[in-house]
Amino acid sequence: MQLPDAEILFKNLVKKIQPDLNKDWVLVGIHTGGVWLAERLHQELAITQPLGTLDVSFYRDDFDKIGLHSQIRPSEIPFEVEGARILLVDDVLHTGRTIRAAINELFDYGRPASISLATLVDRGGRELPIAARYTGTELKLPTDKMLELKCDDHGKLSLNVYNKSFPE
């Protein structure tokens, strides 16, 4: 399967966000791919507020099925969430469960004024009523496949498809 160029998708995502860009926005990336995207967006969009990161491992509703990720990282929210306008960033939107977990964690820090979602790829297959406001592209994949964002040592993004290794 021919996958789109992640760098081109990133540029498309930036173009979609720029018209709505607000100086009050704060970016929060979800580990791991969402943080890579958020770091790049933070720089490309010249956002002055500090960048936040979330590891939603303990907020997921399926860790009893898939287990905890082997590299749990601390979440870092270096700004006041109460009243903030948050642009939540993740690499791939699929079932919506990761986003639900991220929103739950953000509300533990306070009540934001708004949360918008930006993803590089929306692959469909939603199990929860979650939609991205900004998307690099939509891509349909078989349910037995996973889509992964990779970032090399120079910050270049690429996409990879592999077979699922855990039960539904």
C-alpha atoms as a PDB file:
ATOM      1  CA  MET A   1       0.000   0.000   0.000  1.00  0.00           C
ATOM      2  CA  GLN A   2       1.321   3.402  -0.993  1.00  0.00           C
ATOM      3  CA  LEU A   3       1.181   5.773   1.968  1.00  0.00           C
ATOM      4  CA  PRO A   4       1.099   9.559   1.598  1.00  0.00           C
ATOM      5  CA  ASP A   5       4.207  11.593   2.388  1.00  0.00           C
ATOM      6  CA  ALA A   6       3.938  12.646   6.048  1.00  0.00           C
ATOM      7  CA  GLU A   7       5.895  15.856   5.397  1.00  0.00           C
ATOM      8  CA  ILE A   8       3.374  16.939   2.752  1.00  0.00           C
ATOM      9  CA  LEU A   9       0.526  16.058   5.120  1.00  0.00           C
ATOM     10  CA  PHE A  10       2.188  18.197   7.794  1.00  0.00           C
ATOM     11  CA  LYS A  11       2.317  21.173   5.413  1.00  0.00           C
ATOM     12  CA  ASN A  12      -1.372  20.638   4.578  1.00  0.00           C
ATOM     13  CA  LEU A  13      -2.197  20.581   8.284  1.00  0.00           C
ATOM     14  CA  VAL A  14      -0.330  23.854   8.882  1.00  0.00           C
ATOM     15  CA  LYS A  15      -2.250  25.524   6.017  1.00  0.00           C
ATOM     16  CA  LYS A  16      -5.571  24.410   7.505  1.00  0.00           C
ATOM     17  CA  ILE A  17      -4.718  25.686  10.986  1.00  0.00           C
ATOM     18  CA  GLN A  18      -3.170  29.057  10.022  1.00  0.00           C
ATOM     19  CA  PRO A  19      -6.414  30.900   9.138  1.00  0.00           C
ATOM     20  CA  ASP A  20      -7.851  30.151  12.590  1.00  0.00           C
ATOM     21  CA  LEU A  21      -4.618  30.702  14.522  1.00  0.00           C
ATOM     22  CA  ASN A  22      -5.155  32.609  17.735  1.00  0.00           C
ATOM     23  CA  LYS A  23      -2.366  34.073  19.869  1.00  0.00           C
ATOM     24  CA  ASP A  24      -4.059  32.691  22.977  1.00  0.00           C
ATOM     25  CA  TRP A  25      -3.872  29.076  21.832  1.00  0.00           C
ATOM     26  CA  VAL A  26      -1.773  26.530  23.660  1.00  0.00           C
ATOM     27  CA  LEU A  27      -0.652  23.301  22.013  1.00  0.00           C
ATOM     28  CA  VAL A  28      -0.752  19.923  23.731  1.00  0.00           C
ATOM     29  CA  GLY A  29       0.711  16.879  22.000  1.00  0.00           C
ATOM     30  CA  ILE A  30      -0.161  13.286  22.860  1.00  0.00           C
ATOM     31  CA  HIS A  31       2.847  10.957  23.185  1.00  0.00           C
ATOM     32  CA  THR A  32       4.479   9.920  21.012  1.00  0.00           C
ATOM     33  CA  GLY A  33       3.569  10.973  17.485  1.00  0.00           C
ATOM     34  CA  GLY A  34       1.326  13.796  18.633  1.00  0.00           C
ATOM     35  CA  VAL A  35       4.220  15.345  20.541  1.00  0.00           C
ATOM     36  CA  TRP A  36       6.425  15.253  17.437  1.00  0.00           C
ATOM     37  CA  LEU A  37       3.677  16.997  15.472  1.00  0.00           C
ATOM     38  CA  ALA A  38       2.975  19.502  18.243  1.00  0.00           C
ATOM     39  CA  GLU A  39       6.669  20.414  18.467  1.00  0.00           C
ATOM     40  CA  ARG A  40       6.784  21.050  14.730  1.00  0.00           C
ATOM     41  CA  LEU A  41       3.474  22.969  14.757  1.00  0.00           C
ATOM     42  CA  HIS A  42       4.616  25.035  17.751  1.00  0.00           C
ATOM     43  CA  GLN A  43       7.646  26.156  15.776  1.00  0.00           C
ATOM     44  CA  GLU A  44       5.973  26.503  12.358  1.00  0.00           C
ATOM     45  CA  LEU A  45       3.009  28.492  13.709  1.00  0.00           C
ATOM     46  CA  ALA A  46       5.261  30.598  16.010  1.00  0.00           C
ATOM     47  CA  ILE A  47       3.112  29.881  19.073  1.00  0.00           C
ATOM     48  CA  THR A  48       4.540  31.757  22.053  1.00  0.00           C
ATOM     49  CA  GLN A  49       2.750  29.862  24.834  1.00  0.00           C
ATOM     50  CA  PRO A  50       4.707  26.872  26.190  1.00  0.00           C
ATOM     51  CA  LEU A  51       4.053  23.447  24.677  1.00  0.00           C
ATOM     52  CA  GLY A  52       2.264  20.790  26.750  1.00  0.00           C
ATOM     53  CA  THR A  53       2.544  17.016  26.452  1.00  0.00           C
ATOM     54  CA  LEU A  54       0.295  14.192  27.608  1.00  0.00           C
ATOM     55  CA  ASP A  55       0.895  10.502  28.167  1.00  0.00           C
ATOM     56  CA  VAL A  56      -2.620   9.093  28.399  1.00  0.00           C
ATOM     57  CA  SER A  57      -1.573   5.535  29.322  1.00  0.00           C
ATOM     58  CA  PHE A  58      -3.383   5.562  32.678  1.00  0.00           C
ATOM     59  CA  TYR A  59      -6.472   7.235  31.192  1.00  0.00           C
ATOM     60  CA  ARG A  60      -7.102   4.695  28.430  1.00  0.00           C
ATOM     61  CA  ASP A  61     -10.083   2.396  28.759  1.00  0.00           C
ATOM     62  CA  ASP A  62      -8.326  -0.523  27.069  1.00  0.00           C
ATOM     63  CA  PHE A  63      -5.031  -0.892  28.928  1.00  0.00           C
ATOM     64  CA  ASP A  64      -6.431  -4.022  30.592  1.00  0.00           C
ATOM     65  CA  LYS A  65      -6.561  -5.558  27.083  1.00  0.00           C
ATOM     66  CA  ILE A  66      -3.392  -4.159  25.548  1.00  0.00           C
ATOM     67  CA  GLY A  67      -1.337  -3.500  28.686  1.00  0.00           C
ATOM     68  CA  LEU A  68       0.552  -0.368  29.596  1.00  0.00           C
ATOM     69  CA  HIS A  69       3.023   1.066  27.141  1.00  0.00           C
ATOM     70  CA  SER A  70       6.567   0.092  28.043  1.00  0.00           C
ATOM     71  CA  GLN A  71       7.752   3.712  28.051  1.00  0.00           C
ATOM     72  CA  ILE A  72       5.332   5.742  30.116  1.00  0.00           C
ATOM     73  CA  ARG A  73       6.323   9.395  30.182  1.00  0.00           C
ATOM     74  CA  PRO A  74       5.117  12.068  32.563  1.00  0.00           C
ATOM     75  CA  SER A  75       2.565  14.526  31.249  1.00  0.00           C
ATOM     76  CA  GLU A  76       3.795  18.119  31.278  1.00  0.00           C
ATOM     77  CA  ILE A  77       1.276  20.946  31.275  1.00  0.00           C
ATOM     78  CA  PRO A  78       3.316  24.158  31.808  1.00  0.00           C
ATOM     79  CA  PHE A  79       0.345  26.526  31.636  1.00  0.00           C
ATOM     80  CA  GLU A  80      -2.977  27.110  33.377  1.00  0.00           C
ATOM     81  CA  VAL A  81      -5.583  24.800  31.817  1.00  0.00           C
ATOM     82  CA  GLU A  82      -8.483  26.650  33.450  1.00  0.00           C
ATOM     83  CA  GLY A  83      -9.918  28.881  30.721  1.00  0.00           C
ATOM     84  CA  ALA A  84      -7.257  27.945  28.126  1.00  0.00           C
ATOM     85  CA  ARG A  85      -7.930  27.512  24.415  1.00  0.00           C
ATOM     86  CA  ILE A  86      -6.208  24.214  23.695  1.00  0.00           C
ATOM     87  CA  LEU A  87      -5.222  22.737  20.358  1.00  0.00           C
ATOM     88  CA  LEU A  88      -4.820  19.040  21.110  1.00  0.00           C
ATOM     89  CA  VAL A  89      -2.495  17.294  18.641  1.00  0.00           C
ATOM     90  CA  ASP A  90      -2.243  13.594  17.788  1.00  0.00           C
ATOM     91  CA  ASP A  91      -0.778  11.728  14.862  1.00  0.00           C
ATOM     92  CA  VAL A  92      -3.577   9.307  13.898  1.00  0.00           C
ATOM     93  CA  LEU A  93      -7.260   9.544  14.760  1.00  0.00           C
ATOM     94  CA  HIS A  94      -8.920   6.136  14.667  1.00  0.00           C
ATOM     95  CA  THR A  95     -11.410   4.952  17.306  1.00  0.00           C
ATOM     96  CA  GLY A  96     -11.383   8.194  19.317  1.00  0.00           C
ATOM     97  CA  ARG A  97     -10.386   6.455  22.554  1.00  0.00           C
ATOM     98  CA  THR A  98      -6.963   8.108  22.819  1.00  0.00           C
ATOM     99  CA  ILE A  99      -8.551  11.531  22.369  1.00  0.00           C
ATOM    100  CA  ARG A 100     -11.199  10.757  25.008  1.00  0.00           C
ATOM    101  CA  ALA A 101      -8.416   9.751  27.395  1.00  0.00           C
ATOM    102  CA  ALA A 102      -6.503  12.972  26.643  1.00  0.00           C
ATOM    103  CA  ILE A 103      -9.564  15.131  27.281  1.00  0.00           C
ATOM    104  CA  ASN A 104     -10.211  13.320  30.559  1.00  0.00           C
ATOM    105  CA  GLU A 105      -6.637  13.988  31.652  1.00  0.00           C
ATOM    106  CA  LEU A 106      -6.787  17.652  30.626  1.00  0.00           C
ATOM    107  CA  PHE A 107      -9.919  18.136  32.748  1.00  0.00           C
ATOM    108  CA  ASP A 108      -7.969  16.828  35.745  1.00  0.00           C
ATOM    109  CA  TYR A 109      -5.827  19.981  35.351  1.00  0.00           C
ATOM    110  CA  GLY A 110      -8.792  22.353  35.038  1.00  0.00           C
ATOM    111  CA  ARG A 111     -11.667  23.345  32.766  1.00  0.00           C
ATOM    112  CA  PRO A 112     -10.426  24.710  29.435  1.00  0.00           C
ATOM    113  CA  ALA A 113     -12.437  27.294  27.513  1.00  0.00           C
ATOM    114  CA  SER A 114     -12.197  25.078  24.427  1.00  0.00           C
ATOM    115  CA  ILE A 115     -10.383  22.082  22.980  1.00  0.00           C
ATOM    116  CA  SER A 116      -9.876  21.660  19.245  1.00  0.00           C
ATOM    117  CA  LEU A 117      -8.248  18.605  17.704  1.00  0.00           C
ATOM    118  CA  ALA A 118      -5.580  18.457  14.999  1.00  0.00           C
ATOM    119  CA  THR A 119      -4.409  15.139  13.548  1.00  0.00           C
ATOM    120  CA  LEU A 120      -2.109  14.269  10.705  1.00  0.00           C
ATOM    121  CA  VAL A 121      -4.313  11.363   9.564  1.00  0.00           C
ATOM    122  CA  ASP A 122      -7.958  10.513  10.175  1.00  0.00           C
ATOM    123  CA  ARG A 123      -8.332   6.833   9.351  1.00  0.00           C
ATOM    124  CA  GLY A 124     -12.017   6.527  10.287  1.00  0.00           C
ATOM    125  CA  GLY A 125     -13.334   3.623  12.354  1.00  0.00           C
ATOM    126  CA  ARG A 126     -14.662   5.805  15.164  1.00  0.00           C
ATOM    127  CA  GLU A 127     -16.086   4.108  18.245  1.00  0.00           C
ATOM    128  CA  LEU A 128     -16.728   7.410  20.040  1.00  0.00           C
ATOM    129  CA  PRO A 129     -18.219  10.681  18.732  1.00  0.00           C
ATOM    130  CA  ILE A 130     -14.858  12.428  18.263  1.00  0.00           C
ATOM    131  CA  ALA A 131     -13.923  14.509  15.212  1.00  0.00           C
ATOM    132  CA  ALA A 132     -10.815  16.467  14.312  1.00  0.00           C
ATOM    133  CA  ARG A 133     -11.195  20.126  13.416  1.00  0.00           C
ATOM    134  CA  TYR A 134      -7.925  20.024  11.450  1.00  0.00           C
ATOM    135  CA  THR A 135      -6.688  16.982   9.518  1.00  0.00           C
ATOM    136  CA  GLY A 136      -3.791  16.492   7.128  1.00  0.00           C
ATOM    137  CA  THR A 137      -5.696  13.771   5.252  1.00  0.00           C
ATOM    138  CA  GLU A 138      -8.247  10.991   5.545  1.00  0.00           C
ATOM    139  CA  LEU A 139      -7.000   7.480   4.869  1.00  0.00           C
ATOM    140  CA  LYS A 140      -8.954   4.226   4.926  1.00  0.00           C
ATOM    141  CA  LEU A 141      -7.134   1.137   6.188  1.00  0.00           C
ATOM    142  CA  PRO A 142      -8.295  -2.417   6.891  1.00  0.00           C
ATOM    143  CA  THR A 143      -9.229  -2.963  10.544  1.00  0.00           C
ATOM    144  CA  ASP A 144      -6.356  -5.422  11.038  1.00  0.00           C
ATOM    145  CA  LYS A 145      -3.777  -2.714  10.214  1.00  0.00           C
ATOM    146  CA  MET A 146      -2.211  -0.053  12.412  1.00  0.00           C
ATOM    147  CA  LEU A 147      -0.845   3.239  11.139  1.00  0.00           C
ATOM    148  CA  GLU A 148       2.237   4.609  12.856  1.00  0.00           C
ATOM    149  CA  LEU A 149       4.009   7.947  12.574  1.00  0.00           C
ATOM    150  CA  LYS A 150       7.790   7.792  12.748  1.00  0.00           C
ATOM    151  CA  CYS A 151      10.269  10.612  13.269  1.00  0.00           C
ATOM    152  CA  ASP A 152      13.929  10.226  12.313  1.00  0.00           C
ATOM    153  CA  ASP A 153      16.916  11.806  14.057  1.00  0.00           C
ATOM    154  CA  HIS A 154      16.575  14.912  11.861  1.00  0.00           C
ATOM    155  CA  GLY A 155      12.881  15.428  12.670  1.00  0.00           C
ATOM    156  CA  LYS A 156      11.600  14.107   9.317  1.00  0.00           C
ATOM    157  CA  LEU A 157       8.181  12.463   9.595  1.00  0.00           C
ATOM    158  CA  SER A 158       7.073   9.283   7.819  1.00  0.00           C
ATOM    159  CA  LEU A 159       4.170   6.843   8.000  1.00  0.00           C
ATOM    160  CA  ASN A 160       4.315   3.077   8.443  1.00  0.00           C
ATOM    161  CA  VAL A 161       1.586   0.395   8.330  1.00  0.00           C
ATOM    162  CA  TYR A 162       1.815  -2.835  10.276  1.00  0.00           C
ATOM    163  CA  ASN A 163      -0.448  -5.665  11.433  1.00  0.00           C
ATOM    164  CA  LYS A 164      -2.246  -5.333  14.777  1.00  0.00           C
ATOM    165  CA  SER A 165      -0.671  -7.461  17.474  1.00  0.00           C
ATOM    166  CA  PHE A 166      -3.323  -7.186  20.173  1.00  0.00           C
ATOM    167  CA  PRO A 167      -6.972  -8.307  20.340  1.00  0.00           C
ATOM    168  CA  GLU A 168      -9.892  -5.923  19.788  1.00  0.00           C
END
